[in-house]
Amino acid sequence: MSDESGLSRRSFLSRLGAVGVATVAPAVAQPVSAAPVALLDAPAPEAIENAVPVSLKVNGKVLDLKIDPRTSLLDCLRETASLTGTKKGCDHGQCGACTVHVNGRRVNSCLSLALMHEGDEITTIEGLGTPENMHPMQASFVEHDGYQCGYCTSGQIMSAVALLKEPCGPADADVKELMSGNICRCGAYPNIVAAIQAVRHTA
């Protein structure tokens, strides 16, 4: 079909495409003359408004920090102290991925303000052991495949280590009850319980 001017639809679309290519091609063909922006030229991060000083003892080291007074212990550890082994899962105290020890007791660090812990002894997964010298619970998790994706593992291990010092019956069901605050979305629960029981039986 063609209109009164004698231009068919196919001819019109072909010409339109050619015009589009001709318009874009010069811009694409031009060499990039501007030098890439160096990361060092990026503006420095802005100072935190209303920041307050806080001194936290984490894994045996004193950290003098300046933080927003509303900062959770979890965000302070991850974002300010760069201790990213503690994971942010739900950020509502429901999954246990952010579990750390405060004065030897397990806490959900997402539910606690960092300012509340000045002078406390805080232990994260980084302070529990190293790849060369693992804590017995870490070694047991490896031996029993107590993880799959690994995202919840640091919180699971921190809770499991705390459990060793808590009143807990001998049965697997007792361990499951005390570990119920830690969720594994992969479903590695049987192996997690086996890892914990192995440590309990050798302690």
N, C-alpha and C. Protein backbone atom coordinates (compact mmCIF):
# COMPACT_ATOMS: atom_id res chain seq x y z
N MET A 1 0.84 -1.19 0.00
CA MET A 1 0.00 0.00 0.00
C MET A 1 0.88 1.24 0.00
N SER A 2 0.52 2.27 -0.80
CA SER A 2 1.25 3.52 -0.80
C SER A 2 0.26 4.67 -0.71
N ASP A 3 0.72 5.80 -0.15
CA ASP A 3 -0.17 6.94 -0.02
C ASP A 3 -0.16 7.75 -1.29
N GLU A 4 -0.84 8.92 -1.29
CA GLU A 4 -0.98 9.72 -2.49
C GLU A 4 0.36 10.25 -2.97
N SER A 5 1.34 10.41 -2.11
CA SER A 5 2.64 10.92 -2.52
C SER A 5 3.48 9.86 -3.22
N GLY A 6 2.99 8.62 -3.23
CA GLY A 6 3.73 7.55 -3.88
C GLY A 6 4.76 6.90 -2.99
N LEU A 7 4.82 7.27 -1.70
CA LEU A 7 5.80 6.72 -0.77
C LEU A 7 5.17 5.54 -0.04
N SER A 8 5.73 4.36 -0.24
CA SER A 8 5.19 3.18 0.43
C SER A 8 5.59 3.17 1.90
N ARG A 9 4.87 2.39 2.69
CA ARG A 9 5.17 2.28 4.11
C ARG A 9 6.58 1.74 4.31
N ARG A 10 6.97 0.77 3.51
CA ARG A 10 8.30 0.18 3.63
C ARG A 10 9.38 1.21 3.32
N SER A 11 9.18 1.99 2.29
CA SER A 11 10.16 3.02 1.94
C SER A 11 10.27 4.06 3.04
N PHE A 12 9.11 4.43 3.61
CA PHE A 12 9.11 5.43 4.68
C PHE A 12 9.89 4.94 5.89
N LEU A 13 9.66 3.70 6.31
CA LEU A 13 10.36 3.15 7.47
C LEU A 13 11.84 3.00 7.20
N SER A 14 12.21 2.63 5.96
CA SER A 14 13.63 2.49 5.62
C SER A 14 14.33 3.83 5.71
N ARG A 15 13.69 4.89 5.18
CA ARG A 15 14.29 6.22 5.24
C ARG A 15 14.39 6.72 6.67
N LEU A 16 13.35 6.43 7.47
CA LEU A 16 13.35 6.86 8.87
C LEU A 16 14.49 6.19 9.63
N GLY A 17 14.71 4.91 9.38
CA GLY A 17 15.81 4.20 10.04
C GLY A 17 17.16 4.74 9.63
N ALA A 18 17.31 5.08 8.35
CA ALA A 18 18.57 5.61 7.87
C ALA A 18 18.88 6.96 8.51
N VAL A 19 17.84 7.79 8.66
CA VAL A 19 18.03 9.09 9.30
C VAL A 19 18.44 8.92 10.74
N GLY A 20 17.81 7.96 11.43
CA GLY A 20 18.16 7.72 12.83
C GLY A 20 19.60 7.27 12.99
N VAL A 21 20.06 6.36 12.14
CA VAL A 21 21.44 5.88 12.21
C VAL A 21 22.42 7.01 11.91
N ALA A 22 22.08 7.83 10.93
CA ALA A 22 22.97 8.93 10.55
C ALA A 22 23.08 9.95 11.68
N THR A 23 22.01 10.12 12.41
CA THR A 23 22.01 11.09 13.50
C THR A 23 22.85 10.61 14.67
N VAL A 24 22.76 9.30 15.00
CA VAL A 24 23.44 8.76 16.17
C VAL A 24 24.89 8.41 15.88
N ALA A 25 25.20 7.97 14.67
CA ALA A 25 26.53 7.46 14.35
C ALA A 25 27.65 8.43 14.65
N PRO A 26 27.54 9.73 14.28
CA PRO A 26 28.66 10.63 14.59
C PRO A 26 28.97 10.71 16.07
N ALA A 27 27.91 10.73 16.88
CA ALA A 27 28.14 10.81 18.33
C ALA A 27 28.82 9.56 18.85
N VAL A 28 28.45 8.41 18.28
CA VAL A 28 29.05 7.17 18.73
C VAL A 28 30.49 7.06 18.26
N ALA A 29 30.74 7.56 17.05
CA ALA A 29 32.07 7.41 16.46
C ALA A 29 33.10 8.34 17.06
N GLN A 30 32.65 9.42 17.72
CA GLN A 30 33.61 10.37 18.26
C GLN A 30 34.44 9.72 19.35
N PRO A 31 35.76 9.93 19.32
CA PRO A 31 36.60 9.36 20.38
C PRO A 31 36.34 10.05 21.70
N VAL A 32 36.48 9.30 22.75
CA VAL A 32 36.30 9.86 24.08
C VAL A 32 37.57 10.60 24.45
N SER A 33 37.44 11.92 24.57
CA SER A 33 38.62 12.72 24.84
C SER A 33 38.82 13.01 26.32
N ALA A 34 37.71 12.97 27.06
CA ALA A 34 37.82 13.29 28.49
C ALA A 34 38.48 12.14 29.23
N ALA A 35 39.40 12.46 30.10
CA ALA A 35 40.06 11.43 30.90
C ALA A 35 39.11 10.88 31.93
N PRO A 36 39.20 9.59 32.25
CA PRO A 36 38.31 9.03 33.28
C PRO A 36 38.53 9.71 34.61
N VAL A 37 37.44 9.86 35.33
CA VAL A 37 37.50 10.52 36.64
C VAL A 37 38.13 9.56 37.64
N ALA A 38 39.17 9.99 38.29
CA ALA A 38 39.85 9.15 39.28
C ALA A 38 39.02 9.06 40.55
N LEU A 39 39.10 7.91 41.21
CA LEU A 39 38.35 7.73 42.45
C LEU A 39 38.82 8.71 43.52
N LEU A 40 40.10 9.12 43.44
CA LEU A 40 40.62 10.03 44.44
C LEU A 40 39.99 11.41 44.33
N ASP A 41 39.41 11.72 43.15
CA ASP A 41 38.78 13.01 42.96
C ASP A 41 37.36 13.06 43.51
N ALA A 42 36.85 11.90 43.95
CA ALA A 42 35.49 11.86 44.49
C ALA A 42 35.43 12.69 45.77
N PRO A 43 34.32 13.36 45.98
CA PRO A 43 34.22 14.20 47.19
C PRO A 43 34.27 13.35 48.45
N ALA A 44 34.88 13.90 49.46
CA ALA A 44 34.97 13.19 50.73
C ALA A 44 33.59 13.04 51.33
N PRO A 45 33.34 11.94 52.05
CA PRO A 45 32.03 11.77 52.66
C PRO A 45 31.73 12.90 53.64
N GLU A 46 30.49 13.31 53.63
CA GLU A 46 30.08 14.41 54.49
C GLU A 46 30.16 13.99 55.96
N ALA A 47 30.47 14.96 56.78
CA ALA A 47 30.52 14.69 58.22
C ALA A 47 29.13 14.33 58.72
N ILE A 48 29.07 13.45 59.67
CA ILE A 48 27.79 13.01 60.21
C ILE A 48 27.22 14.13 61.08
N GLU A 49 26.01 14.53 60.76
CA GLU A 49 25.38 15.60 61.53
C GLU A 49 25.05 15.11 62.93
N ASN A 50 25.33 15.93 63.92
CA ASN A 50 25.06 15.62 65.33
C ASN A 50 25.80 14.36 65.80
N ALA A 51 26.95 14.07 65.21
CA ALA A 51 27.71 12.89 65.62
C ALA A 51 28.20 13.04 67.05
N VAL A 52 28.26 11.91 67.73
CA VAL A 52 28.74 11.90 69.11
C VAL A 52 29.88 10.91 69.23
N PRO A 53 30.85 11.16 70.10
CA PRO A 53 31.95 10.21 70.27
C PRO A 53 31.51 9.01 71.10
N VAL A 54 32.04 7.85 70.77
CA VAL A 54 31.78 6.65 71.55
C VAL A 54 33.03 5.79 71.53
N SER A 55 33.32 5.15 72.64
CA SER A 55 34.47 4.27 72.75
C SER A 55 33.96 2.85 73.02
N LEU A 56 34.19 1.97 72.06
CA LEU A 56 33.72 0.60 72.18
C LEU A 56 34.90 -0.36 72.23
N LYS A 57 34.79 -1.37 73.08
CA LYS A 57 35.81 -2.40 73.15
C LYS A 57 35.31 -3.61 72.37
N VAL A 58 35.89 -3.81 71.19
CA VAL A 58 35.43 -4.86 70.29
C VAL A 58 36.57 -5.83 70.02
N ASN A 59 36.33 -7.09 70.31
CA ASN A 59 37.34 -8.13 70.10
C ASN A 59 38.67 -7.78 70.76
N GLY A 60 38.58 -7.19 71.95
CA GLY A 60 39.76 -6.87 72.74
C GLY A 60 40.44 -5.57 72.38
N LYS A 61 39.93 -4.85 71.39
CA LYS A 61 40.54 -3.58 70.98
C LYS A 61 39.57 -2.44 71.25
N VAL A 62 40.10 -1.31 71.69
CA VAL A 62 39.28 -0.13 71.95
C VAL A 62 39.17 0.67 70.66
N LEU A 63 37.93 0.95 70.26
CA LEU A 63 37.67 1.72 69.05
C LEU A 63 37.03 3.04 69.44
N ASP A 64 37.71 4.13 69.15
CA ASP A 64 37.16 5.46 69.40
C ASP A 64 36.50 5.95 68.11
N LEU A 65 35.19 6.07 68.15
CA LEU A 65 34.42 6.36 66.94
C LEU A 65 33.53 7.59 67.13
N LYS A 66 33.07 8.15 66.02
CA LYS A 66 32.06 9.19 66.03
C LYS A 66 30.88 8.68 65.22
N ILE A 67 29.72 8.63 65.83
CA ILE A 67 28.56 8.03 65.18
C ILE A 67 27.31 8.87 65.41
N ASP A 68 26.35 8.64 64.56
CA ASP A 68 25.02 9.19 64.79
C ASP A 68 24.46 8.52 66.05
N PRO A 69 23.89 9.27 66.97
CA PRO A 69 23.40 8.64 68.22
C PRO A 69 22.32 7.59 68.01
N ARG A 70 21.72 7.57 66.82
CA ARG A 70 20.67 6.58 66.54
C ARG A 70 21.23 5.30 65.91
N THR A 71 22.54 5.20 65.76
CA THR A 71 23.16 4.06 65.08
C THR A 71 23.03 2.79 65.92
N SER A 72 22.56 1.74 65.30
CA SER A 72 22.48 0.45 66.00
C SER A 72 23.88 -0.13 66.15
N LEU A 73 24.02 -1.03 67.10
CA LEU A 73 25.31 -1.70 67.27
C LEU A 73 25.69 -2.44 65.99
N LEU A 74 24.72 -3.04 65.33
CA LEU A 74 24.98 -3.76 64.07
C LEU A 74 25.56 -2.82 63.02
N ASP A 75 24.93 -1.69 62.78
CA ASP A 75 25.41 -0.77 61.75
C ASP A 75 26.74 -0.16 62.14
N CYS A 76 26.96 0.05 63.42
CA CYS A 76 28.24 0.59 63.88
C CYS A 76 29.36 -0.41 63.59
N LEU A 77 29.11 -1.68 63.89
CA LEU A 77 30.13 -2.71 63.65
C LEU A 77 30.42 -2.85 62.16
N ARG A 78 29.38 -2.88 61.34
CA ARG A 78 29.55 -3.12 59.91
C ARG A 78 30.05 -1.88 59.17
N GLU A 79 29.38 -0.75 59.39
CA GLU A 79 29.64 0.43 58.57
C GLU A 79 30.77 1.29 59.10
N THR A 80 30.91 1.38 60.42
CA THR A 80 31.92 2.26 60.99
C THR A 80 33.20 1.50 61.34
N ALA A 81 33.06 0.33 61.95
CA ALA A 81 34.24 -0.45 62.35
C ALA A 81 34.68 -1.44 61.27
N SER A 82 33.91 -1.56 60.18
CA SER A 82 34.24 -2.44 59.05
C SER A 82 34.36 -3.91 59.46
N LEU A 83 33.60 -4.32 60.46
CA LEU A 83 33.56 -5.73 60.86
C LEU A 83 32.31 -6.34 60.24
N THR A 84 32.44 -6.79 59.00
CA THR A 84 31.27 -7.20 58.23
C THR A 84 30.90 -8.67 58.40
N GLY A 85 31.60 -9.37 59.29
CA GLY A 85 31.23 -10.77 59.55
C GLY A 85 29.86 -10.87 60.18
N THR A 86 29.48 -9.87 60.96
CA THR A 86 28.14 -9.81 61.54
C THR A 86 27.18 -9.37 60.45
N LYS A 87 26.16 -10.18 60.17
CA LYS A 87 25.31 -9.95 59.01
C LYS A 87 24.00 -9.24 59.38
N LYS A 88 23.53 -8.43 58.45
CA LYS A 88 22.22 -7.81 58.58
C LYS A 88 21.22 -8.65 57.81
N GLY A 89 20.31 -9.27 58.54
CA GLY A 89 19.30 -10.09 57.90
C GLY A 89 17.98 -9.36 57.84
N CYS A 90 17.17 -9.51 58.89
CA CYS A 90 15.85 -8.87 58.91
C CYS A 90 15.90 -7.45 59.44
N ASP A 91 16.90 -7.12 60.25
CA ASP A 91 17.02 -5.81 60.91
C ASP A 91 15.86 -5.56 61.87
N HIS A 92 15.20 -6.62 62.30
CA HIS A 92 14.09 -6.51 63.25
C HIS A 92 14.20 -7.49 64.42
N GLY A 93 15.35 -8.10 64.60
CA GLY A 93 15.55 -9.03 65.71
C GLY A 93 14.84 -10.35 65.56
N GLN A 94 14.52 -10.75 64.33
CA GLN A 94 13.74 -11.97 64.13
C GLN A 94 14.54 -13.13 63.53
N CYS A 95 15.75 -12.86 62.99
CA CYS A 95 16.45 -13.93 62.28
C CYS A 95 17.75 -14.38 62.97
N GLY A 96 18.35 -13.53 63.80
CA GLY A 96 19.55 -13.91 64.53
C GLY A 96 20.85 -13.81 63.75
N ALA A 97 20.80 -13.35 62.49
CA ALA A 97 22.03 -13.26 61.68
C ALA A 97 23.02 -12.26 62.27
N CYS A 98 22.53 -11.31 63.07
CA CYS A 98 23.39 -10.25 63.60
C CYS A 98 23.87 -10.53 65.02
N THR A 99 23.76 -11.76 65.48
CA THR A 99 24.10 -12.09 66.87
C THR A 99 25.58 -11.84 67.16
N VAL A 100 25.82 -11.12 68.26
CA VAL A 100 27.17 -10.92 68.80
C VAL A 100 27.12 -11.18 70.29
N HIS A 101 28.26 -11.19 70.93
CA HIS A 101 28.32 -11.34 72.38
C HIS A 101 28.60 -9.98 73.02
N VAL A 102 27.84 -9.65 74.03
CA VAL A 102 28.09 -8.46 74.84
C VAL A 102 28.26 -8.94 76.27
N ASN A 103 29.47 -8.75 76.80
CA ASN A 103 29.80 -9.25 78.14
C ASN A 103 29.50 -10.73 78.28
N GLY A 104 29.79 -11.48 77.21
CA GLY A 104 29.64 -12.93 77.24
C GLY A 104 28.25 -13.45 76.94
N ARG A 105 27.28 -12.56 76.77
CA ARG A 105 25.91 -13.00 76.48
C ARG A 105 25.55 -12.63 75.05
N ARG A 106 24.76 -13.47 74.41
CA ARG A 106 24.39 -13.19 73.03
C ARG A 106 23.28 -12.14 72.96
N VAL A 107 23.41 -11.25 71.99
CA VAL A 107 22.40 -10.21 71.76
C VAL A 107 22.21 -10.04 70.26
N ASN A 108 21.02 -9.61 69.87
CA ASN A 108 20.77 -9.22 68.49
C ASN A 108 21.24 -7.78 68.34
N SER A 109 22.33 -7.60 67.62
CA SER A 109 22.94 -6.28 67.56
C SER A 109 22.10 -5.27 66.78
N CYS A 110 21.12 -5.74 66.00
CA CYS A 110 20.27 -4.81 65.26
C CYS A 110 19.26 -4.12 66.18
N LEU A 111 19.04 -4.67 67.37
CA LEU A 111 18.04 -4.11 68.28
C LEU A 111 18.65 -3.25 69.37
N SER A 112 19.95 -3.03 69.33
CA SER A 112 20.64 -2.35 70.41
C SER A 112 21.41 -1.15 69.86
N LEU A 113 21.30 -0.01 70.53
CA LEU A 113 22.05 1.16 70.10
C LEU A 113 23.51 1.04 70.51
N ALA A 114 24.39 1.44 69.62
CA ALA A 114 25.82 1.34 69.90
C ALA A 114 26.20 2.14 71.15
N LEU A 115 25.58 3.29 71.35
CA LEU A 115 25.92 4.14 72.49
C LEU A 115 25.67 3.46 73.83
N MET A 116 24.80 2.47 73.84
CA MET A 116 24.48 1.78 75.09
C MET A 116 25.61 0.86 75.55
N HIS A 117 26.60 0.63 74.70
CA HIS A 117 27.60 -0.40 75.00
C HIS A 117 28.99 0.14 75.25
N GLU A 118 29.08 1.40 75.58
CA GLU A 118 30.39 1.96 75.94
C GLU A 118 30.86 1.30 77.22
N GLY A 119 32.06 0.73 77.18
CA GLY A 119 32.60 0.03 78.33
C GLY A 119 32.31 -1.45 78.36
N ASP A 120 31.42 -1.92 77.49
CA ASP A 120 31.11 -3.35 77.44
C ASP A 120 32.16 -4.11 76.62
N GLU A 121 32.24 -5.40 76.89
CA GLU A 121 33.10 -6.29 76.10
C GLU A 121 32.26 -6.87 74.96
N ILE A 122 32.58 -6.47 73.75
CA ILE A 122 31.82 -6.92 72.58
C ILE A 122 32.69 -7.89 71.78
N THR A 123 32.10 -9.02 71.42
CA THR A 123 32.82 -10.01 70.60
C THR A 123 31.99 -10.30 69.36
N THR A 124 32.64 -10.21 68.21
CA THR A 124 32.00 -10.57 66.94
C THR A 124 32.64 -11.86 66.43
N ILE A 125 32.13 -12.34 65.32
CA ILE A 125 32.67 -13.58 64.75
C ILE A 125 34.15 -13.44 64.43
N GLU A 126 34.60 -12.22 64.09
CA GLU A 126 36.02 -12.01 63.79
C GLU A 126 36.90 -12.22 65.02
N GLY A 127 36.32 -12.03 66.20
CA GLY A 127 37.10 -12.19 67.42
C GLY A 127 37.02 -13.57 68.03
N LEU A 128 36.27 -14.46 67.39
CA LEU A 128 36.08 -15.80 67.94
C LEU A 128 37.22 -16.74 67.57
N GLY A 129 37.68 -16.64 66.37
CA GLY A 129 38.75 -17.51 65.90
C GLY A 129 39.22 -17.06 64.53
N THR A 130 40.26 -17.69 64.04
CA THR A 130 40.80 -17.38 62.72
C THR A 130 40.80 -18.65 61.88
N PRO A 131 40.97 -18.53 60.55
CA PRO A 131 41.04 -19.74 59.72
C PRO A 131 42.14 -20.69 60.16
N GLU A 132 43.22 -20.13 60.69
CA GLU A 132 44.33 -20.98 61.14
C GLU A 132 44.11 -21.52 62.55
N ASN A 133 43.32 -20.84 63.33
CA ASN A 133 43.08 -21.24 64.73
C ASN A 133 41.60 -21.03 65.06
N MET A 134 40.78 -21.94 64.54
CA MET A 134 39.33 -21.80 64.70
C MET A 134 38.88 -22.15 66.11
N HIS A 135 37.81 -21.50 66.53
CA HIS A 135 37.13 -21.90 67.75
C HIS A 135 36.56 -23.30 67.52
N PRO A 136 36.48 -24.14 68.55
CA PRO A 136 35.94 -25.50 68.36
C PRO A 136 34.56 -25.51 67.69
N MET A 137 33.74 -24.50 67.96
CA MET A 137 32.41 -24.47 67.33
C MET A 137 32.53 -24.17 65.84
N GLN A 138 33.43 -23.29 65.47
CA GLN A 138 33.65 -23.03 64.05
C GLN A 138 34.14 -24.29 63.33
N ALA A 139 35.09 -24.98 63.96
CA ALA A 139 35.62 -26.20 63.36
C ALA A 139 34.54 -27.27 63.23
N SER A 140 33.64 -27.33 64.22
CA SER A 140 32.57 -28.32 64.19
C SER A 140 31.56 -28.00 63.09
N PHE A 141 31.27 -26.72 62.88
CA PHE A 141 30.36 -26.34 61.80
C PHE A 141 30.96 -26.75 60.45
N VAL A 142 32.26 -26.60 60.30
CA VAL A 142 32.91 -27.02 59.06
C VAL A 142 32.83 -28.53 58.91
N GLU A 143 33.14 -29.25 59.98
CA GLU A 143 33.16 -30.72 59.93
C GLU A 143 31.78 -31.30 59.63
N HIS A 144 30.73 -30.68 60.17
CA HIS A 144 29.38 -31.22 60.03
C HIS A 144 28.57 -30.52 58.94
N ASP A 145 29.22 -29.70 58.13
CA ASP A 145 28.51 -28.97 57.07
C ASP A 145 27.31 -28.22 57.64
N GLY A 146 27.56 -27.44 58.69
CA GLY A 146 26.48 -26.72 59.35
C GLY A 146 26.11 -25.43 58.67
N TYR A 147 26.21 -25.38 57.35
CA TYR A 147 25.87 -24.17 56.61
C TYR A 147 25.65 -24.55 55.15
N GLN A 148 24.95 -23.68 54.44
CA GLN A 148 24.83 -23.86 52.99
C GLN A 148 25.25 -22.55 52.32
N CYS A 149 24.36 -21.57 52.28
CA CYS A 149 24.78 -20.30 51.67
C CYS A 149 25.74 -19.55 52.57
N GLY A 150 25.68 -19.79 53.88
CA GLY A 150 26.62 -19.19 54.83
C GLY A 150 26.20 -17.86 55.39
N TYR A 151 25.10 -17.28 54.92
CA TYR A 151 24.75 -15.93 55.38
C TYR A 151 24.39 -15.90 56.86
N CYS A 152 23.72 -16.91 57.34
CA CYS A 152 23.30 -16.95 58.75
C CYS A 152 24.38 -17.54 59.65
N THR A 153 25.45 -18.06 59.08
CA THR A 153 26.39 -18.90 59.83
C THR A 153 27.07 -18.17 60.97
N SER A 154 27.50 -16.93 60.77
CA SER A 154 28.18 -16.23 61.86
C SER A 154 27.25 -16.05 63.05
N GLY A 155 25.99 -15.71 62.79
CA GLY A 155 25.03 -15.59 63.89
C GLY A 155 24.74 -16.92 64.56
N GLN A 156 24.65 -17.98 63.75
CA GLN A 156 24.42 -19.32 64.30
C GLN A 156 25.57 -19.71 65.23
N ILE A 157 26.80 -19.47 64.79
CA ILE A 157 27.97 -19.86 65.58
C ILE A 157 28.04 -19.04 66.87
N MET A 158 27.77 -17.73 66.77
CA MET A 158 27.82 -16.90 67.98
C MET A 158 26.77 -17.35 68.99
N SER A 159 25.58 -17.69 68.53
CA SER A 159 24.55 -18.21 69.43
C SER A 159 24.94 -19.55 70.00
N ALA A 160 25.52 -20.41 69.17
CA ALA A 160 25.91 -21.75 69.62
C ALA A 160 27.00 -21.67 70.69
N VAL A 161 27.95 -20.75 70.53
CA VAL A 161 29.01 -20.60 71.53
C VAL A 161 28.41 -20.10 72.85
N ALA A 162 27.47 -19.18 72.76
CA ALA A 162 26.81 -18.69 73.97
C ALA A 162 26.01 -19.80 74.65
N LEU A 163 25.41 -20.66 73.84
CA LEU A 163 24.62 -21.78 74.37
C LEU A 163 25.46 -22.69 75.26
N LEU A 164 26.75 -22.81 74.97
CA LEU A 164 27.61 -23.69 75.77
C LEU A 164 27.66 -23.28 77.23
N LYS A 165 27.39 -22.00 77.50
CA LYS A 165 27.44 -21.50 78.87
C LYS A 165 26.06 -21.33 79.48
N GLU A 166 25.03 -21.70 78.75
CA GLU A 166 23.65 -21.53 79.22
C GLU A 166 23.06 -22.86 79.66
N PRO A 167 22.08 -22.84 80.55
CA PRO A 167 21.41 -24.10 80.93
C PRO A 167 20.69 -24.69 79.73
N CYS A 168 21.06 -25.89 79.37
CA CYS A 168 20.47 -26.55 78.20
C CYS A 168 20.46 -28.05 78.45
N GLY A 169 19.32 -28.67 78.20
CA GLY A 169 19.21 -30.10 78.36
C GLY A 169 20.06 -30.84 77.34
N PRO A 170 20.20 -32.16 77.49
CA PRO A 170 21.09 -32.93 76.63
C PRO A 170 20.54 -33.28 75.25
N ALA A 171 19.23 -33.21 75.08
CA ALA A 171 18.62 -33.71 73.85
C ALA A 171 18.73 -32.70 72.70
N ASP A 172 18.61 -33.21 71.47
CA ASP A 172 18.61 -32.34 70.30
C ASP A 172 17.48 -31.31 70.39
N ALA A 173 16.35 -31.74 70.92
CA ALA A 173 15.20 -30.83 71.04
C ALA A 173 15.53 -29.65 71.95
N ASP A 174 16.36 -29.89 72.97
CA ASP A 174 16.76 -28.81 73.87
C ASP A 174 17.64 -27.79 73.12
N VAL A 175 18.52 -28.31 72.30
CA VAL A 175 19.38 -27.42 71.51
C VAL A 175 18.53 -26.62 70.52
N LYS A 176 17.59 -27.29 69.87
CA LYS A 176 16.73 -26.59 68.91
C LYS A 176 15.96 -25.47 69.59
N GLU A 177 15.50 -25.70 70.80
CA GLU A 177 14.76 -24.67 71.53
C GLU A 177 15.63 -23.45 71.81
N LEU A 178 16.86 -23.67 72.25
CA LEU A 178 17.74 -22.56 72.57
C LEU A 178 18.30 -21.88 71.32
N MET A 179 18.24 -22.55 70.18
CA MET A 179 18.71 -21.95 68.93
C MET A 179 17.55 -21.44 68.07
N SER A 180 16.36 -21.41 68.63
CA SER A 180 15.18 -21.05 67.84
C SER A 180 15.18 -19.60 67.38
N GLY A 181 16.01 -18.76 67.97
CA GLY A 181 16.08 -17.38 67.53
C GLY A 181 16.95 -17.17 66.31
N ASN A 182 17.58 -18.23 65.84
CA ASN A 182 18.45 -18.14 64.66
C ASN A 182 17.83 -18.93 63.51
N ILE A 183 17.51 -18.23 62.44
CA ILE A 183 16.85 -18.84 61.29
C ILE A 183 17.87 -19.16 60.20
N CYS A 184 17.74 -20.38 59.65
CA CYS A 184 18.54 -20.77 58.49
C CYS A 184 17.57 -20.97 57.33
N ARG A 185 17.60 -20.06 56.38
CA ARG A 185 16.64 -20.15 55.27
C ARG A 185 16.97 -21.32 54.34
N CYS A 186 18.20 -21.83 54.41
CA CYS A 186 18.57 -22.99 53.59
C CYS A 186 18.08 -24.30 54.22
N GLY A 187 17.78 -24.26 55.52
CA GLY A 187 17.28 -25.46 56.19
C GLY A 187 18.36 -26.43 56.62
N ALA A 188 19.51 -25.91 57.05
CA ALA A 188 20.62 -26.79 57.46
C ALA A 188 20.52 -27.16 58.94
N TYR A 189 19.34 -27.13 59.50
CA TYR A 189 19.16 -27.35 60.94
C TYR A 189 19.73 -28.66 61.47
N PRO A 190 19.50 -29.80 60.82
CA PRO A 190 20.07 -31.05 61.37
C PRO A 190 21.58 -31.00 61.53
N ASN A 191 22.26 -30.42 60.56
CA ASN A 191 23.72 -30.33 60.63
C ASN A 191 24.17 -29.31 61.67
N ILE A 192 23.41 -28.23 61.83
CA ILE A 192 23.74 -27.24 62.85
C ILE A 192 23.63 -27.87 64.23
N VAL A 193 22.56 -28.59 64.47
CA VAL A 193 22.38 -29.26 65.77
C VAL A 193 23.49 -30.29 65.99
N ALA A 194 23.83 -31.04 64.96
CA ALA A 194 24.90 -32.05 65.08
C ALA A 194 26.23 -31.38 65.42
N ALA A 195 26.50 -30.23 64.82
CA ALA A 195 27.75 -29.51 65.09
C ALA A 195 27.80 -29.04 66.54
N ILE A 196 26.68 -28.53 67.03
CA ILE A 196 26.63 -28.04 68.41
C ILE A 196 26.77 -29.20 69.39
N GLN A 197 26.06 -30.28 69.13
CA GLN A 197 26.11 -31.43 70.04
C GLN A 197 27.50 -32.05 70.08
N ALA A 198 28.20 -32.04 68.97
CA ALA A 198 29.55 -32.59 68.94
C ALA A 198 30.46 -31.82 69.88
N VAL A 199 30.33 -30.50 69.89
CA VAL A 199 31.15 -29.67 70.78
C VAL A 199 30.74 -29.88 72.23
N ARG A 200 29.45 -29.98 72.46
CA ARG A 200 28.96 -30.17 73.83
C ARG A 200 29.46 -31.49 74.42
N HIS A 201 29.51 -32.51 73.61
CA HIS A 201 29.90 -33.83 74.08
C HIS A 201 31.41 -33.94 74.32
N THR A 202 32.18 -33.04 73.70
CA THR A 202 33.64 -33.09 73.89
C THR A 202 34.13 -32.03 74.86
N ALA A 203 33.21 -31.16 75.29
CA ALA A 203 33.62 -30.07 76.19
C ALA A 203 33.93 -30.62 77.57
